[in-house]
Amino acid sequence: MKESTILIAEDEEIDVILLKRAFAASGVDHGVKVVRDGQEALDYLASIQSQGPSAFPVLFLLDINMPRCSGLEVLERLQRMPLNRSVPIVIFSSSSHPRDVEQAYRLGAHAYLVKPTSTEQRNEMIRTIRAFWLQMNQVPTARCAA
């Protein structure tokens, strides 16, 4: 069976490093696939479509402010793609602007998290993500595309 992965769309290298450290500290044992902008995220998801449902990530952490294609544009374009709809999409952004939060949910985000400023807050957030999205949350067994 293919190792399940977490997809992270993040253009800031320091945020990627800090997220990976927090995942390790929290005991998350999934592989991590990092893409650096929204277009790369869309290209990656399109490329794994033909590999079947098990190829899809178990979680997608998506930043909003990225080059080439923003996280909000990714959400909008994902609505038009025949992709696996059981993959939780969690916005992970430095923006707490109500307009961004509202738009992200309207476009299909499953959660909206503001990037923490301290290591302890980040680790706690990742522990919570692990507990809820990777352990407690139930997804369809077949993980079918819609």
Protein backbone atom coordinates (compact mmCIF):
# COMPACT_ATOMS: atom_id res chain seq x y z
CA MET A 1 0.00 0.00 0.00
CA LYS A 2 1.26 3.47 -0.89
CA GLU A 3 2.29 5.66 2.06
CA SER A 4 -0.33 8.30 2.82
CA THR A 5 0.87 11.86 2.43
CA ILE A 6 0.07 15.35 3.58
CA LEU A 7 0.19 17.97 0.84
CA ILE A 8 1.50 21.39 1.87
CA ALA A 9 1.20 24.34 -0.51
CA GLU A 10 3.51 26.96 0.98
CA ASP A 11 5.97 29.34 -0.67
CA GLU A 12 7.81 30.44 2.50
CA GLU A 13 10.70 28.06 3.22
CA ILE A 14 10.78 28.92 6.94
CA ASP A 15 7.09 27.99 7.27
CA VAL A 16 7.74 24.66 5.56
CA ILE A 17 10.64 23.92 7.91
CA LEU A 18 8.61 24.88 10.99
CA LEU A 19 5.64 22.79 9.86
CA LYS A 20 7.83 19.74 9.25
CA ARG A 21 9.39 20.15 12.71
CA ALA A 22 5.95 20.47 14.30
CA PHE A 23 4.74 17.34 12.47
CA ALA A 24 7.77 15.41 13.70
CA ALA A 25 7.38 16.70 17.27
CA SER A 26 3.70 15.73 17.23
CA GLY A 27 4.34 12.19 16.04
CA VAL A 28 2.79 12.61 12.60
CA ASP A 29 4.20 9.73 10.58
CA HIS A 30 2.72 10.59 7.18
CA GLY A 31 4.94 11.58 4.31
CA VAL A 32 4.92 15.26 3.38
CA LYS A 33 4.75 16.57 -0.18
CA VAL A 34 5.57 20.27 -0.48
CA VAL A 35 4.61 22.44 -3.43
CA ARG A 36 5.70 26.08 -3.62
CA ASP A 37 2.71 27.78 -5.21
CA GLY A 38 -0.91 27.27 -6.13
CA GLN A 39 -0.26 26.27 -9.71
CA GLU A 40 2.19 23.60 -8.59
CA ALA A 41 -0.48 22.29 -6.18
CA LEU A 42 -3.04 22.04 -8.97
CA ASP A 43 -0.53 20.38 -11.30
CA TYR A 44 0.40 17.85 -8.61
CA LEU A 45 -3.23 16.97 -7.86
CA ALA A 46 -4.00 16.61 -11.56
CA SER A 47 -0.95 14.36 -12.02
CA ILE A 48 -2.05 11.86 -9.37
CA GLN A 49 -5.67 11.60 -10.55
CA SER A 50 -4.99 8.57 -12.72
CA GLN A 51 -3.23 6.72 -9.88
CA GLY A 52 -6.50 6.09 -8.04
CA PRO A 53 -7.95 7.22 -4.73
CA SER A 54 -5.09 5.98 -2.55
CA ALA A 55 -2.68 8.38 -4.29
CA PHE A 56 -4.50 11.44 -2.96
CA PRO A 57 -3.19 13.16 0.16
CA VAL A 58 -4.94 12.50 3.47
CA LEU A 59 -4.75 16.24 4.22
CA PHE A 60 -4.06 19.39 2.20
CA LEU A 61 -2.61 22.42 4.04
CA LEU A 62 -3.03 25.42 1.75
CA ASP A 63 -1.57 28.89 2.19
CA ILE A 64 -3.54 31.78 0.70
CA ASN A 65 -0.81 34.20 -0.36
CA MET A 66 1.34 32.40 -2.92
CA PRO A 67 2.82 33.31 -6.30
CA ARG A 68 1.32 32.33 -9.67
CA CYS A 69 -1.97 31.13 -8.18
CA SER A 70 -3.27 32.03 -4.71
CA GLY A 71 -4.79 29.55 -2.30
CA LEU A 72 -8.22 31.05 -2.95
CA GLU A 73 -7.72 30.55 -6.69
CA VAL A 74 -6.71 26.94 -5.97
CA LEU A 75 -9.96 26.39 -4.07
CA GLU A 76 -11.97 27.92 -6.91
CA ARG A 77 -10.26 25.80 -9.55
CA LEU A 78 -10.56 22.61 -7.48
CA GLN A 79 -14.35 22.98 -7.61
CA ARG A 80 -14.15 22.49 -11.38
CA MET A 81 -11.78 19.51 -11.26
CA PRO A 82 -12.95 15.91 -10.84
CA LEU A 83 -10.76 15.31 -7.80
CA ASN A 84 -11.15 13.35 -4.61
CA ARG A 85 -13.65 15.31 -2.49
CA SER A 86 -12.85 13.47 0.75
CA VAL A 87 -9.44 15.15 1.12
CA PRO A 88 -9.73 17.76 3.89
CA ILE A 89 -8.47 21.15 2.73
CA VAL A 90 -7.22 23.27 5.61
CA ILE A 91 -6.24 26.86 4.95
CA PHE A 92 -3.06 27.67 6.87
CA SER A 93 -2.48 31.39 6.42
CA SER A 94 -1.03 34.42 8.14
CA SER A 95 -4.18 36.33 7.14
CA SER A 96 -6.98 36.55 9.69
CA HIS A 97 -8.98 39.00 7.59
CA PRO A 98 -12.70 38.12 7.78
CA ARG A 99 -13.02 38.49 3.99
CA ASP A 100 -10.35 35.81 3.43
CA VAL A 101 -11.97 33.46 5.95
CA GLU A 102 -15.42 33.91 4.43
CA GLN A 103 -14.17 33.45 0.88
CA ALA A 104 -12.14 30.34 1.77
CA TYR A 105 -15.17 28.62 3.27
CA ARG A 106 -17.40 29.71 0.40
CA LEU A 107 -14.91 28.13 -2.01
CA GLY A 108 -14.81 24.80 -0.19
CA ALA A 109 -12.18 24.96 2.57
CA HIS A 110 -12.90 22.56 5.42
CA ALA A 111 -11.08 24.65 8.03
CA TYR A 112 -9.23 27.96 8.31
CA LEU A 113 -6.24 28.27 10.64
CA VAL A 114 -4.12 31.35 11.23
CA LYS A 115 -0.41 30.58 11.39
CA PRO A 116 0.75 30.66 15.00
CA THR A 117 3.58 32.94 16.03
CA SER A 118 5.29 30.70 18.57
CA THR A 119 6.75 27.22 18.40
CA GLU A 120 4.50 25.99 21.22
CA GLN A 121 1.37 27.35 19.53
CA ARG A 122 2.41 25.75 16.23
CA ASN A 123 3.11 22.40 17.90
CA GLU A 124 -0.26 22.54 19.69
CA MET A 125 -2.02 23.35 16.42
CA ILE A 126 -0.33 20.42 14.65
CA ARG A 127 -1.19 18.08 17.56
CA THR A 128 -4.81 19.17 17.15
CA ILE A 129 -4.67 18.68 13.37
CA ARG A 130 -3.22 15.22 13.93
CA ALA A 131 -5.87 14.27 16.47
CA PHE A 132 -8.83 15.58 14.50
CA TRP A 133 -8.01 15.30 10.79
CA LEU A 134 -5.66 12.30 10.85
CA GLN A 135 -7.10 10.20 13.66
CA MET A 136 -10.73 11.06 14.54
CA ASN A 137 -12.09 12.33 11.22
CA GLN A 138 -13.80 9.66 9.13
CA VAL A 139 -13.61 9.73 5.35
CA PRO A 140 -15.37 7.46 2.86
CA THR A 141 -13.64 4.10 2.60
CA ALA A 142 -13.54 4.19 -1.19
CA ARG A 143 -12.31 7.82 -1.18
CA CYS A 144 -14.13 8.33 -4.45
CA ALA A 145 -13.79 11.30 -6.73
CA ALA A 146 -16.95 13.35 -7.13
